[in-house]
Structures are given as C-alpha cells and as structure tokens.
Amino acid sequence: MRKIFTLLLAILISCSVALAQTTTTTTTTTTNNTEANAETKSAKKTRKVHAFEIEIGIGAALGADNLKFDKTKTGFNGLAEIRYNFICGLDIGLQASINGFNRQTLNAEALKFLSKNAFFVMDYNILQDKGLSIFLGVGAGAQWNKNTGESTDEYANSFLGKNFTFCVMPRVGIELFHRVRVTLDYKFGDKANRHFGLSAGFVLGGGKK
C-alpha cells in the first residue's frame, strides 16, 4: 500500500512539474510574442526622419507666356520654407517666395514683372528615409504682383500696375542626401505672372534619424 501511495505521489509530482514547465513555457512564449508584436508596432510608428526642417532656395523663373510681347526673358526665383514631416510620408509647411522676370516689346524697354508669394504647402514623399527621395506636392496661397515699365503700347500698359490674386502651385522634385532639394513648380496666378519655377534649396534639419 505504501509503495502504491509513493508511486502515485511520484506520478502526481511529475505531472505537476511537467504542467508547471509547460505553463511557464507558454507564458514566456506569449510574453515574448506580445513584446515582439509591441516592438513591431512601435517600429512601424517610429519616425524615420526628424520632424522639422527649413529650406532656403534660389533658382530661375522661366516658361512664362509671351502674351503677344516680343520676348520674355528668364528671371529669378528665391524662397524660404519651413516644413513638418509626418510619420506617414506627408509633410506640410509654409513658404515665402519672390520671383521676377522681364518682357520686352518694340515700343518699350524691359517691362518688369515681380511677384511676392505666401503659400501653404503639402508634399507626399517617396523613399523619405533614403539618400534619394521623390516628392509630389501642391501649394496654395496669395500672390502680390507689381508689374512696372513704360510703354506706348496700349496692350502692354494693360498689364502694368499692382494686383493681388489667389495662386495655386503644383510641384514635383527630388531630395538628395536630406540636404539638397531640387524643385520644379508652376504658379497658376495672375495671367501676366504665371510661370515655371526651377529651384535648388539647401535643407537645415530634417534628415534621417
């Protein structure tokens, strides 16, 4: 009887130990899986680039319509922009820019077309954390135009003076090594001041984390 009791006790203890080990293993596995899933989710939500960046850029204003003038000359383009980078690849920001170019007519010296712009901008960045990234975006805001010159041509005179207008600016570009940003845009504003802008900017901040 004592031998049977001892045998049963040994079997019970063995089963208990085995069950405890199984439970511990299962708990550890579950905990590890939970931690791994949490780390995976955390990794997915980890910011790939720094949140804020500032761009200072210069370039050319080109491709403006001749508007029946004899010639339109390529001009200048300058900008300053601050952006906030979201985790999902989007960025939003504010841009202040100035651009100008000249038109010529037989009845005048160069007529100067100058615009000052303030835009709210938004881009979607592809390969944002890589050495070469591509972005597509748009800006919308206000354009202050000042067109000056002297002409005896009534048609030319109709474009001279000051005006204020709403402007939309689609754009596309590339960013190299998180520091150099090349952008091509088109400003849909006042008819006499619509043109392409090609700029190269230096980026402060941003960059891969």
N, C-alpha and C. Protein backbone atom coordinates (compact mmCIF):
# COMPACT_ATOMS: atom_id res chain seq x y z
N MET A 1 0.84 -1.20 0.00
CA MET A 1 0.00 0.00 0.00
C MET A 1 0.88 1.25 0.00
N ARG A 2 1.93 1.20 0.84
CA ARG A 2 2.83 2.36 0.92
C ARG A 2 3.52 2.56 -0.42
N LYS A 3 3.89 1.44 -1.09
CA LYS A 3 4.58 1.54 -2.38
C LYS A 3 3.65 2.17 -3.43
N ILE A 4 2.38 1.75 -3.40
CA ILE A 4 1.41 2.31 -4.35
C ILE A 4 1.22 3.80 -4.11
N PHE A 5 1.12 4.18 -2.82
CA PHE A 5 0.95 5.59 -2.46
C PHE A 5 2.15 6.42 -2.92
N THR A 6 3.35 5.83 -2.66
CA THR A 6 4.58 6.52 -3.07
C THR A 6 4.65 6.68 -4.58
N LEU A 7 4.22 5.62 -5.29
CA LEU A 7 4.23 5.67 -6.75
C LEU A 7 3.25 6.71 -7.27
N LEU A 8 2.04 6.71 -6.67
CA LEU A 8 1.05 7.70 -7.09
C LEU A 8 1.52 9.14 -6.80
N LEU A 9 2.17 9.31 -5.63
CA LEU A 9 2.68 10.63 -5.26
C LEU A 9 3.77 11.08 -6.23
N ALA A 10 4.63 10.13 -6.61
CA ALA A 10 5.69 10.45 -7.56
C ALA A 10 5.11 10.84 -8.92
N ILE A 11 4.08 10.08 -9.33
CA ILE A 11 3.43 10.39 -10.61
C ILE A 11 2.77 11.76 -10.56
N LEU A 12 2.11 12.07 -9.43
CA LEU A 12 1.42 13.34 -9.27
C LEU A 12 2.41 14.50 -9.30
N ILE A 13 3.55 14.30 -8.59
CA ILE A 13 4.58 15.34 -8.56
C ILE A 13 5.17 15.56 -9.95
N SER A 14 5.40 14.45 -10.65
CA SER A 14 5.96 14.54 -12.01
C SER A 14 5.02 15.30 -12.95
N CYS A 15 3.71 14.95 -12.84
CA CYS A 15 2.72 15.63 -13.67
C CYS A 15 2.64 17.12 -13.34
N SER A 16 2.73 17.43 -12.05
CA SER A 16 2.68 18.82 -11.62
C SER A 16 3.87 19.61 -12.15
N VAL A 17 5.04 19.00 -12.04
CA VAL A 17 6.26 19.66 -12.55
C VAL A 17 6.17 19.88 -14.05
N ALA A 18 5.70 18.82 -14.76
CA ALA A 18 5.57 18.93 -16.21
C ALA A 18 4.58 20.02 -16.60
N LEU A 19 3.45 20.06 -15.88
CA LEU A 19 2.44 21.06 -16.14
C LEU A 19 2.97 22.47 -15.87
N ALA A 20 3.71 22.60 -14.78
CA ALA A 20 4.28 23.90 -14.42
C ALA A 20 5.27 24.37 -15.49
N GLN A 21 6.09 23.45 -15.98
CA GLN A 21 7.06 23.80 -17.02
C GLN A 21 6.36 24.22 -18.32
N THR A 22 5.28 23.45 -18.64
CA THR A 22 4.53 23.79 -19.86
C THR A 22 3.89 25.16 -19.76
N THR A 23 3.30 25.43 -18.57
CA THR A 23 2.66 26.73 -18.34
C THR A 23 3.67 27.86 -18.42
N THR A 24 4.85 27.62 -17.81
CA THR A 24 5.90 28.64 -17.83
C THR A 24 6.37 28.91 -19.25
N THR A 25 6.56 27.83 -20.00
CA THR A 25 7.00 27.97 -21.39
C THR A 25 5.97 28.73 -22.22
N THR A 26 4.68 28.34 -22.01
CA THR A 26 3.60 29.01 -22.74
C THR A 26 3.53 30.48 -22.39
N THR A 27 3.67 30.78 -21.09
CA THR A 27 3.62 32.17 -20.63
C THR A 27 4.77 32.97 -21.21
N THR A 28 5.97 32.36 -21.18
CA THR A 28 7.16 33.04 -21.71
C THR A 28 7.01 33.30 -23.20
N THR A 29 6.50 32.28 -23.91
CA THR A 29 6.30 32.43 -25.35
C THR A 29 5.30 33.53 -25.65
N THR A 30 4.19 33.51 -24.88
CA THR A 30 3.16 34.54 -25.07
C THR A 30 3.71 35.93 -24.79
N THR A 31 4.49 36.01 -23.69
CA THR A 31 5.08 37.30 -23.33
C THR A 31 6.03 37.78 -24.40
N ASN A 32 6.86 36.85 -24.90
CA ASN A 32 7.82 37.21 -25.95
C ASN A 32 7.11 37.65 -27.23
N ASN A 33 6.03 36.91 -27.55
CA ASN A 33 5.27 37.27 -28.75
C ASN A 33 4.63 38.63 -28.60
N THR A 34 4.09 38.88 -27.38
CA THR A 34 3.46 40.18 -27.11
C THR A 34 4.47 41.30 -27.22
N GLU A 35 5.67 41.05 -26.62
CA GLU A 35 6.72 42.06 -26.68
C GLU A 35 7.19 42.27 -28.11
N ALA A 36 7.29 41.17 -28.86
CA ALA A 36 7.73 41.27 -30.26
C ALA A 36 6.72 42.05 -31.09
N ASN A 37 5.43 41.76 -30.85
CA ASN A 37 4.38 42.48 -31.57
C ASN A 37 4.39 43.96 -31.22
N ALA A 38 4.61 44.22 -29.93
CA ALA A 38 4.67 45.62 -29.48
C ALA A 38 5.86 46.33 -30.11
N GLU A 39 7.01 45.62 -30.18
CA GLU A 39 8.18 46.22 -30.79
C GLU A 39 7.96 46.45 -32.27
N THR A 40 7.27 45.50 -32.92
CA THR A 40 6.98 45.63 -34.35
C THR A 40 6.09 46.84 -34.60
N LYS A 41 5.02 46.95 -33.78
CA LYS A 41 4.12 48.09 -33.92
C LYS A 41 4.87 49.39 -33.63
N SER A 42 5.72 49.34 -32.62
CA SER A 42 6.49 50.52 -32.27
C SER A 42 7.42 50.90 -33.40
N ALA A 43 8.04 49.87 -34.01
CA ALA A 43 8.96 50.12 -35.12
C ALA A 43 8.22 50.75 -36.29
N LYS A 44 6.99 50.25 -36.53
CA LYS A 44 6.21 50.79 -37.63
C LYS A 44 5.88 52.26 -37.39
N LYS A 45 5.73 52.64 -36.14
CA LYS A 45 5.34 54.00 -35.82
C LYS A 45 6.54 54.90 -35.56
N THR A 46 7.74 54.33 -35.62
CA THR A 46 8.93 55.11 -35.35
C THR A 46 9.17 56.12 -36.47
N ARG A 47 9.48 57.35 -36.11
CA ARG A 47 9.74 58.40 -37.08
C ARG A 47 11.06 58.13 -37.80
N LYS A 48 11.04 58.16 -39.12
CA LYS A 48 12.23 57.86 -39.91
C LYS A 48 13.12 59.07 -40.12
N VAL A 49 12.52 60.27 -40.12
CA VAL A 49 13.29 61.50 -40.29
C VAL A 49 12.89 62.48 -39.19
N HIS A 50 13.74 63.47 -38.98
CA HIS A 50 13.42 64.48 -37.97
C HIS A 50 12.19 65.27 -38.38
N ALA A 51 11.47 65.75 -37.38
CA ALA A 51 10.16 66.35 -37.64
C ALA A 51 10.22 67.67 -38.40
N PHE A 52 11.09 68.58 -38.00
CA PHE A 52 11.11 69.92 -38.59
C PHE A 52 12.31 70.12 -39.50
N GLU A 53 12.09 70.89 -40.56
CA GLU A 53 13.19 71.26 -41.44
C GLU A 53 12.91 72.61 -42.08
N ILE A 54 13.98 73.29 -42.46
CA ILE A 54 13.89 74.60 -43.09
C ILE A 54 14.67 74.53 -44.40
N GLU A 55 14.11 75.11 -45.44
CA GLU A 55 14.78 75.13 -46.75
C GLU A 55 14.97 76.58 -47.22
N ILE A 56 16.17 76.87 -47.70
CA ILE A 56 16.49 78.14 -48.34
C ILE A 56 16.90 77.83 -49.77
N GLY A 57 16.21 78.42 -50.74
CA GLY A 57 16.48 78.05 -52.13
C GLY A 57 16.53 79.24 -53.08
N ILE A 58 17.24 79.05 -54.18
CA ILE A 58 17.30 80.04 -55.26
C ILE A 58 17.15 79.30 -56.58
N GLY A 59 16.75 80.03 -57.61
CA GLY A 59 16.60 79.37 -58.90
C GLY A 59 16.15 80.34 -59.96
N ALA A 60 15.43 79.81 -60.94
CA ALA A 60 15.03 80.58 -62.11
C ALA A 60 13.52 80.59 -62.28
N ALA A 61 13.01 81.72 -62.75
CA ALA A 61 11.61 81.85 -63.17
C ALA A 61 11.60 81.79 -64.69
N LEU A 62 10.94 80.80 -65.24
CA LEU A 62 11.02 80.59 -66.69
C LEU A 62 9.70 80.07 -67.24
N GLY A 63 9.59 80.07 -68.57
CA GLY A 63 8.41 79.50 -69.21
C GLY A 63 7.16 80.34 -69.14
N ALA A 64 7.29 81.64 -68.88
CA ALA A 64 6.11 82.50 -68.86
C ALA A 64 5.60 82.73 -70.28
N ASP A 65 4.29 82.88 -70.42
CA ASP A 65 3.67 83.14 -71.72
C ASP A 65 4.13 84.50 -72.25
N ASN A 66 4.45 84.58 -73.54
CA ASN A 66 4.85 85.86 -74.13
C ASN A 66 3.73 86.90 -74.12
N LEU A 67 2.48 86.44 -74.15
CA LEU A 67 1.32 87.35 -74.13
C LEU A 67 1.39 88.39 -75.25
N LYS A 68 1.82 87.99 -76.42
CA LYS A 68 1.95 88.86 -77.60
C LYS A 68 3.07 89.87 -77.48
N PHE A 69 3.90 89.73 -76.43
CA PHE A 69 5.09 90.56 -76.37
C PHE A 69 6.14 89.97 -77.30
N ASP A 70 7.19 90.73 -77.56
CA ASP A 70 8.21 90.26 -78.49
C ASP A 70 9.10 89.18 -77.87
N LYS A 71 9.36 89.29 -76.57
CA LYS A 71 10.27 88.34 -75.94
C LYS A 71 10.06 88.33 -74.43
N THR A 72 10.19 87.16 -73.84
CA THR A 72 10.15 87.01 -72.37
C THR A 72 11.47 86.41 -71.92
N LYS A 73 12.12 87.07 -70.99
CA LYS A 73 13.42 86.61 -70.50
C LYS A 73 13.29 85.81 -69.22
N THR A 74 14.14 84.81 -69.10
CA THR A 74 14.19 84.03 -67.85
C THR A 74 14.59 84.94 -66.70
N GLY A 75 13.93 84.77 -65.56
CA GLY A 75 14.20 85.61 -64.41
C GLY A 75 14.73 84.83 -63.22
N PHE A 76 14.45 85.32 -62.03
CA PHE A 76 14.99 84.73 -60.80
C PHE A 76 13.86 84.23 -59.91
N ASN A 77 14.23 83.36 -58.99
CA ASN A 77 13.27 82.79 -58.05
C ASN A 77 14.00 82.56 -56.73
N GLY A 78 13.44 83.01 -55.63
CA GLY A 78 14.02 82.79 -54.31
C GLY A 78 12.94 82.39 -53.32
N LEU A 79 13.29 81.51 -52.37
CA LEU A 79 12.26 81.02 -51.44
C LEU A 79 12.85 80.66 -50.09
N ALA A 80 11.98 80.67 -49.11
CA ALA A 80 12.28 80.16 -47.77
C ALA A 80 11.06 79.36 -47.32
N GLU A 81 11.29 78.18 -46.78
CA GLU A 81 10.17 77.29 -46.44
C GLU A 81 10.47 76.53 -45.15
N ILE A 82 9.46 76.39 -44.33
CA ILE A 82 9.56 75.56 -43.13
C ILE A 82 8.52 74.45 -43.24
N ARG A 83 8.95 73.19 -42.89
CA ARG A 83 8.06 72.04 -43.06
C ARG A 83 8.06 71.17 -41.81
N TYR A 84 6.93 70.48 -41.64
CA TYR A 84 6.81 69.46 -40.59
C TYR A 84 6.60 68.11 -41.26
N ASN A 85 7.46 67.13 -40.94
CA ASN A 85 7.39 65.80 -41.55
C ASN A 85 6.57 64.85 -40.68
N PHE A 86 5.53 64.27 -41.25
CA PHE A 86 4.73 63.26 -40.56
C PHE A 86 5.36 61.88 -40.76
N ILE A 87 4.97 60.92 -39.91
CA ILE A 87 5.50 59.56 -39.99
C ILE A 87 5.08 58.88 -41.29
N CYS A 88 3.91 59.23 -41.81
CA CYS A 88 3.35 58.54 -42.98
C CYS A 88 3.95 58.97 -44.31
N GLY A 89 4.89 59.90 -44.32
CA GLY A 89 5.49 60.35 -45.57
C GLY A 89 5.00 61.70 -46.05
N LEU A 90 3.94 62.22 -45.41
CA LEU A 90 3.45 63.55 -45.75
C LEU A 90 4.24 64.62 -45.02
N ASP A 91 4.31 65.80 -45.61
CA ASP A 91 4.81 66.96 -44.89
C ASP A 91 3.93 68.16 -45.22
N ILE A 92 3.84 69.08 -44.30
CA ILE A 92 3.11 70.33 -44.52
C ILE A 92 4.02 71.47 -44.12
N GLY A 93 3.77 72.64 -44.69
CA GLY A 93 4.63 73.75 -44.36
C GLY A 93 4.12 75.08 -44.88
N LEU A 94 4.95 76.10 -44.68
CA LEU A 94 4.68 77.45 -45.13
C LEU A 94 5.86 77.92 -45.97
N GLN A 95 5.56 78.57 -47.09
CA GLN A 95 6.61 79.07 -47.97
C GLN A 95 6.41 80.55 -48.25
N ALA A 96 7.49 81.30 -48.20
CA ALA A 96 7.51 82.68 -48.66
C ALA A 96 8.49 82.74 -49.83
N SER A 97 8.07 83.33 -50.93
CA SER A 97 8.95 83.36 -52.11
C SER A 97 8.79 84.66 -52.87
N ILE A 98 9.78 84.94 -53.71
CA ILE A 98 9.76 86.11 -54.57
C ILE A 98 10.30 85.69 -55.93
N ASN A 99 9.70 86.19 -56.98
CA ASN A 99 10.16 85.84 -58.32
C ASN A 99 9.91 86.99 -59.28
N GLY A 100 10.73 87.06 -60.30
CA GLY A 100 10.56 88.13 -61.26
C GLY A 100 11.20 87.79 -62.59
N PHE A 101 10.69 88.42 -63.66
CA PHE A 101 11.26 88.25 -64.99
C PHE A 101 10.87 89.46 -65.82
N ASN A 102 11.47 89.59 -66.99
CA ASN A 102 11.20 90.73 -67.86
C ASN A 102 10.56 90.30 -69.17
N ARG A 103 9.69 91.16 -69.68
CA ARG A 103 9.18 91.02 -71.04
C ARG A 103 9.61 92.23 -71.84
N GLN A 104 9.79 92.04 -73.12
CA GLN A 104 10.20 93.14 -73.96
C GLN A 104 9.23 93.33 -75.12
N THR A 105 9.06 94.60 -75.51
CA THR A 105 8.23 94.92 -76.67
C THR A 105 8.95 95.98 -77.49
N LEU A 106 8.62 96.12 -78.72
CA LEU A 106 9.29 97.07 -79.61
C LEU A 106 9.05 98.51 -79.18
N ASN A 107 7.98 98.74 -78.43
CA ASN A 107 7.62 100.10 -78.04
C ASN A 107 8.06 100.45 -76.61
N ALA A 108 8.96 99.65 -76.04
CA ALA A 108 9.35 99.91 -74.64
C ALA A 108 10.67 99.25 -74.32
N GLU A 109 11.23 99.69 -73.22
CA GLU A 109 12.34 98.95 -72.64
C GLU A 109 11.75 97.72 -71.95
N ALA A 110 12.55 97.04 -71.16
CA ALA A 110 12.05 95.85 -70.48
C ALA A 110 10.93 96.21 -69.49
N LEU A 111 9.86 95.45 -69.55
CA LEU A 111 8.79 95.57 -68.56
C LEU A 111 9.05 94.54 -67.48
N LYS A 112 9.03 94.96 -66.22
CA LYS A 112 9.40 94.09 -65.12
C LYS A 112 8.15 93.52 -64.44
N PHE A 113 8.14 92.21 -64.30
CA PHE A 113 7.02 91.51 -63.65
C PHE A 113 7.55 90.85 -62.38
N LEU A 114 7.09 91.34 -61.25
CA LEU A 114 7.60 90.90 -59.95
C LEU A 114 6.45 90.39 -59.09
N SER A 115 6.65 89.22 -58.45
CA SER A 115 5.62 88.64 -57.58
C SER A 115 6.21 88.28 -56.23
N LYS A 116 5.45 88.55 -55.19
CA LYS A 116 5.76 88.08 -53.84
C LYS A 116 4.66 87.12 -53.44
N ASN A 117 5.06 85.96 -52.92
CA ASN A 117 4.09 84.89 -52.69
C ASN A 117 4.15 84.36 -51.26
N ALA A 118 3.01 83.94 -50.76
CA ALA A 118 2.92 83.26 -49.47
C ALA A 118 2.02 82.04 -49.65
N PHE A 119 2.58 80.84 -49.41
CA PHE A 119 1.85 79.61 -49.69
C PHE A 119 1.78 78.69 -48.47
N PHE A 120 0.68 77.99 -48.36
CA PHE A 120 0.59 76.80 -47.53
C PHE A 120 0.92 75.64 -48.46
N VAL A 121 1.88 74.79 -48.09
CA VAL A 121 2.35 73.72 -48.98
C VAL A 121 2.18 72.35 -48.33
N MET A 122 2.04 71.34 -49.17
CA MET A 122 1.92 69.96 -48.71
C MET A 122 2.55 69.04 -49.74
N ASP A 123 3.35 68.06 -49.29
CA ASP A 123 4.00 67.11 -50.19
C ASP A 123 3.80 65.68 -49.70
N TYR A 124 3.87 64.76 -50.65
CA TYR A 124 3.97 63.34 -50.30
C TYR A 124 5.35 62.87 -50.75
N ASN A 125 6.10 62.29 -49.81
CA ASN A 125 7.48 61.88 -50.07
C ASN A 125 7.58 60.37 -50.26
N ILE A 126 8.23 59.97 -51.33
CA ILE A 126 8.50 58.57 -51.61
C ILE A 126 9.95 58.28 -51.25
N LEU A 127 10.20 57.19 -50.50
CA LEU A 127 11.56 56.85 -50.03
C LEU A 127 12.12 57.97 -49.17
N GLN A 128 11.30 58.44 -48.24
CA GLN A 128 11.65 59.61 -47.44
C GLN A 128 12.94 59.44 -46.63
N ASP A 129 13.24 58.20 -46.21
CA ASP A 129 14.41 57.96 -45.37
C ASP A 129 15.64 57.52 -46.17
N LYS A 130 15.57 57.58 -47.49
CA LYS A 130 16.69 57.15 -48.33
C LYS A 130 17.53 58.35 -48.77
N GLY A 131 18.67 58.03 -49.40
CA GLY A 131 19.56 59.08 -49.87
C GLY A 131 18.99 59.87 -51.03
N LEU A 132 18.10 59.25 -51.79
CA LEU A 132 17.41 59.93 -52.88
C LEU A 132 15.91 59.71 -52.70
N SER A 133 15.17 60.78 -52.47
CA SER A 133 13.73 60.68 -52.31
C SER A 133 13.03 61.55 -53.34
N ILE A 134 11.80 61.20 -53.66
CA ILE A 134 11.00 61.91 -54.65
C ILE A 134 9.77 62.46 -53.93
N PHE A 135 9.37 63.65 -54.30
CA PHE A 135 8.16 64.21 -53.67
C PHE A 135 7.25 64.84 -54.72
N LEU A 136 5.95 64.74 -54.44
CA LEU A 136 4.91 65.37 -55.24
C LEU A 136 4.09 66.23 -54.30
N GLY A 137 3.80 67.45 -54.72
CA GLY A 137 3.08 68.31 -53.78
C GLY A 137 2.33 69.44 -54.46
N VAL A 138 1.74 70.28 -53.62
CA VAL A 138 0.98 71.42 -54.11
C VAL A 138 1.03 72.52 -53.05
N GLY A 139 0.95 73.75 -53.52
CA GLY A 139 0.87 74.90 -52.64
C GLY A 139 -0.32 75.76 -53.03
N ALA A 140 -0.85 76.48 -52.08
CA ALA A 140 -1.96 77.38 -52.34
C ALA A 140 -1.83 78.59 -51.43
N GLY A 141 -2.08 79.78 -51.99
CA GLY A 141 -1.95 80.96 -51.16
C GLY A 141 -2.15 82.24 -51.93
N ALA A 142 -1.45 83.28 -51.51
CA ALA A 142 -1.64 84.63 -52.05
C ALA A 142 -0.43 85.06 -52.87
N GLN A 143 -0.72 85.87 -53.88
CA GLN A 143 0.33 86.40 -54.75
C GLN A 143 0.14 87.91 -54.90
N TRP A 144 1.18 88.66 -54.56
CA TRP A 144 1.17 90.11 -54.72
C TRP A 144 2.04 90.45 -55.93
N ASN A 145 1.45 91.05 -56.96
CA ASN A 145 2.16 91.32 -58.20
C ASN A 145 2.38 92.81 -58.38
N LYS A 146 3.58 93.14 -58.87
CA LYS A 146 3.91 94.54 -59.20
C LYS A 146 4.59 94.54 -60.56
N ASN A 147 3.87 94.99 -61.57
CA ASN A 147 4.39 95.00 -62.94
C ASN A 147 4.68 96.44 -63.34
N THR A 148 5.93 96.73 -63.69
CA THR A 148 6.36 98.10 -63.93
C THR A 148 7.04 98.23 -65.29
N GLY A 149 7.06 99.46 -65.81
CA GLY A 149 7.71 99.77 -67.08
C GLY A 149 7.01 100.92 -67.76
N GLU A 150 7.56 101.36 -68.89
CA GLU A 150 6.97 102.44 -69.67
C GLU A 150 6.79 101.97 -71.10
N SER A 151 5.61 102.21 -71.64
CA SER A 151 5.33 101.76 -72.98
C SER A 151 4.28 102.64 -73.64
N THR A 152 4.39 102.78 -74.92
CA THR A 152 3.38 103.50 -75.69
C THR A 152 2.36 102.53 -76.28
N ASP A 153 2.54 101.24 -75.95
CA ASP A 153 1.65 100.20 -76.45
C ASP A 153 0.50 99.99 -75.46
N GLU A 154 -0.72 100.20 -75.92
CA GLU A 154 -1.88 100.08 -75.04
C GLU A 154 -2.02 98.66 -74.48
N TYR A 155 -1.70 97.67 -75.30
CA TYR A 155 -1.77 96.28 -74.84
C TYR A 155 -0.79 96.04 -73.70
N ALA A 156 0.44 96.53 -73.83
CA ALA A 156 1.45 96.36 -72.79
C ALA A 156 1.03 97.07 -71.51
N ASN A 157 0.49 98.26 -71.64
CA ASN A 157 0.08 99.04 -70.47
C ASN A 157 -1.02 98.36 -69.66
N SER A 158 -1.81 97.51 -70.33
CA SER A 158 -2.92 96.85 -69.63
C SER A 158 -2.42 95.87 -68.57
N PHE A 159 -1.15 95.47 -68.65
CA PHE A 159 -0.60 94.54 -67.67
C PHE A 159 0.20 95.24 -66.57
N LEU A 160 0.37 96.53 -66.67
CA LEU A 160 1.19 97.25 -65.69
C LEU A 160 0.36 97.63 -64.47
N GLY A 161 1.06 97.78 -63.35
CA GLY A 161 0.38 98.15 -62.11
C GLY A 161 0.53 97.08 -61.05
N LYS A 162 -0.28 97.19 -60.00
CA LYS A 162 -0.23 96.26 -58.87
C LYS A 162 -1.54 95.49 -58.77
N ASN A 163 -1.47 94.25 -58.33
CA ASN A 163 -2.69 93.48 -58.07
C ASN A 163 -2.41 92.37 -57.07
N PHE A 164 -3.48 91.86 -56.54
CA PHE A 164 -3.42 90.79 -55.54
C PHE A 164 -4.32 89.66 -56.03
N THR A 165 -3.81 88.42 -55.98
CA THR A 165 -4.59 87.31 -56.51
C THR A 165 -4.30 86.03 -55.75
N PHE A 166 -5.23 85.08 -55.84
CA PHE A 166 -5.05 83.73 -55.30
C PHE A 166 -4.18 82.94 -56.27
N CYS A 167 -3.33 82.07 -55.74
CA CYS A 167 -2.41 81.33 -56.60
C CYS A 167 -2.31 79.88 -56.13
N VAL A 168 -2.29 78.95 -57.09
CA VAL A 168 -2.09 77.53 -56.83
C VAL A 168 -0.77 77.11 -57.46
N MET A 169 -0.01 76.26 -56.75
CA MET A 169 1.33 75.90 -57.20
C MET A 169 1.58 74.39 -57.09
N PRO A 170 1.28 73.61 -58.13
CA PRO A 170 1.68 72.19 -58.12
C PRO A 170 3.20 72.09 -58.27
N ARG A 171 3.79 71.04 -57.69
CA ARG A 171 5.24 70.90 -57.78
C ARG A 171 5.67 69.45 -57.66
N VAL A 172 6.88 69.19 -58.14
CA VAL A 172 7.49 67.87 -58.08
C VAL A 172 9.00 68.07 -57.95
N GLY A 173 9.66 67.10 -57.31
CA GLY A 173 11.10 67.27 -57.16
C GLY A 173 11.77 66.08 -56.52
N ILE A 174 13.06 66.24 -56.28
CA ILE A 174 13.87 65.21 -55.61
C ILE A 174 14.65 65.85 -54.47
N GLU A 175 14.98 65.02 -53.50
CA GLU A 175 15.83 65.46 -52.39
C GLU A 175 17.02 64.52 -52.28
N LEU A 176 18.22 65.08 -52.27
CA LEU A 176 19.46 64.31 -52.25
C LEU A 176 20.10 64.37 -50.87
N PHE A 177 20.30 63.20 -50.28
CA PHE A 177 21.02 63.06 -49.00
C PHE A 177 20.41 63.92 -47.89
N HIS A 178 19.11 64.23 -47.99
CA HIS A 178 18.37 65.01 -46.99
C HIS A 178 18.89 66.43 -46.85
N ARG A 179 19.64 66.90 -47.84
CA ARG A 179 20.23 68.24 -47.72
C ARG A 179 20.01 69.11 -48.95
N VAL A 180 19.94 68.54 -50.13
CA VAL A 180 19.76 69.32 -51.35
C VAL A 180 18.42 68.95 -51.98
N ARG A 181 17.59 69.94 -52.22
CA ARG A 181 16.23 69.71 -52.73
C ARG A 181 16.06 70.48 -54.04
N VAL A 182 15.76 69.75 -55.10
CA VAL A 182 15.56 70.36 -56.42
C VAL A 182 14.08 70.28 -56.75
N THR A 183 13.46 71.43 -57.05
CA THR A 183 12.01 71.51 -57.22
C THR A 183 11.63 72.19 -58.53
N LEU A 184 10.66 71.62 -59.22
CA LEU A 184 10.05 72.24 -60.38
C LEU A 184 8.59 72.52 -60.05
N ASP A 185 8.16 73.77 -60.19
CA ASP A 185 6.78 74.11 -59.87
C ASP A 185 6.18 74.98 -60.97
N TYR A 186 4.87 75.19 -60.91
CA TYR A 186 4.22 76.13 -61.81
C TYR A 186 3.21 76.93 -61.01
N LYS A 187 3.28 78.24 -61.13
CA LYS A 187 2.41 79.12 -60.37
C LYS A 187 1.23 79.57 -61.24
N PHE A 188 0.03 79.07 -60.87
CA PHE A 188 -1.21 79.47 -61.53
C PHE A 188 -1.80 80.65 -60.78
N GLY A 189 -1.40 81.85 -61.15
CA GLY A 189 -1.94 83.04 -60.51
C GLY A 189 -2.44 84.02 -61.54
N ASP A 190 -2.06 85.27 -61.36
CA ASP A 190 -2.39 86.29 -62.33
C ASP A 190 -1.85 85.92 -63.71
N LYS A 191 -2.64 86.16 -64.75
CA LYS A 191 -2.28 85.73 -66.10
C LYS A 191 -0.89 86.21 -66.52
N ALA A 192 -0.56 87.44 -66.22
CA ALA A 192 0.72 88.01 -66.65
C ALA A 192 1.90 87.48 -65.84
N ASN A 193 1.63 86.85 -64.72
CA ASN A 193 2.71 86.38 -63.85
C ASN A 193 2.78 84.87 -63.70
N ARG A 194 2.05 84.13 -64.51
CA ARG A 194 2.14 82.67 -64.47
C ARG A 194 3.47 82.22 -65.09
N HIS A 195 4.11 81.26 -64.43
CA HIS A 195 5.40 80.80 -64.94
C HIS A 195 5.86 79.55 -64.20
N PHE A 196 6.84 78.87 -64.78
CA PHE A 196 7.51 77.77 -64.11
C PHE A 196 8.59 78.32 -63.19
N GLY A 197 8.86 77.58 -62.13
CA GLY A 197 9.97 77.90 -61.25
C GLY A 197 10.84 76.68 -61.05
N LEU A 198 12.13 76.84 -61.23
CA LEU A 198 13.09 75.75 -61.00
C LEU A 198 14.07 76.22 -59.95
N SER A 199 14.13 75.50 -58.83
CA SER A 199 14.97 75.96 -57.71
C SER A 199 15.78 74.82 -57.12
N ALA A 200 16.89 75.21 -56.53
CA ALA A 200 17.72 74.29 -55.76
C ALA A 200 17.83 74.86 -54.35
N GLY A 201 17.47 74.05 -53.35
CA GLY A 201 17.46 74.53 -51.99
C GLY A 201 18.35 73.73 -51.07
N PHE A 202 18.86 74.37 -50.05
CA PHE A 202 19.65 73.70 -49.01
C PHE A 202 18.76 73.51 -47.79
N VAL A 203 18.71 72.30 -47.25
CA VAL A 203 17.81 71.94 -46.17
C VAL A 203 18.56 71.87 -44.84
N LEU A 204 18.03 72.57 -43.86
CA LEU A 204 18.54 72.54 -42.49
C LEU A 204 17.55 71.74 -41.64
N GLY A 205 18.06 70.85 -40.78
CA GLY A 205 17.17 69.99 -40.01
C GLY A 205 16.75 68.81 -40.84
N GLY A 206 15.59 68.23 -40.52
CA GLY A 206 15.14 67.05 -41.27
C GLY A 206 16.17 65.96 -41.17
N GLY A 207 16.38 65.23 -42.23
CA GLY A 207 17.41 64.20 -42.25
C GLY A 207 16.99 62.93 -41.53
N LYS A 208 17.67 61.84 -41.85
CA LYS A 208 17.37 60.54 -41.26
C LYS A 208 17.74 60.52 -39.79
N LYS A 209 16.86 59.91 -38.98
CA LYS A 209 17.11 59.83 -37.54
C LYS A 209 18.12 58.74 -37.23
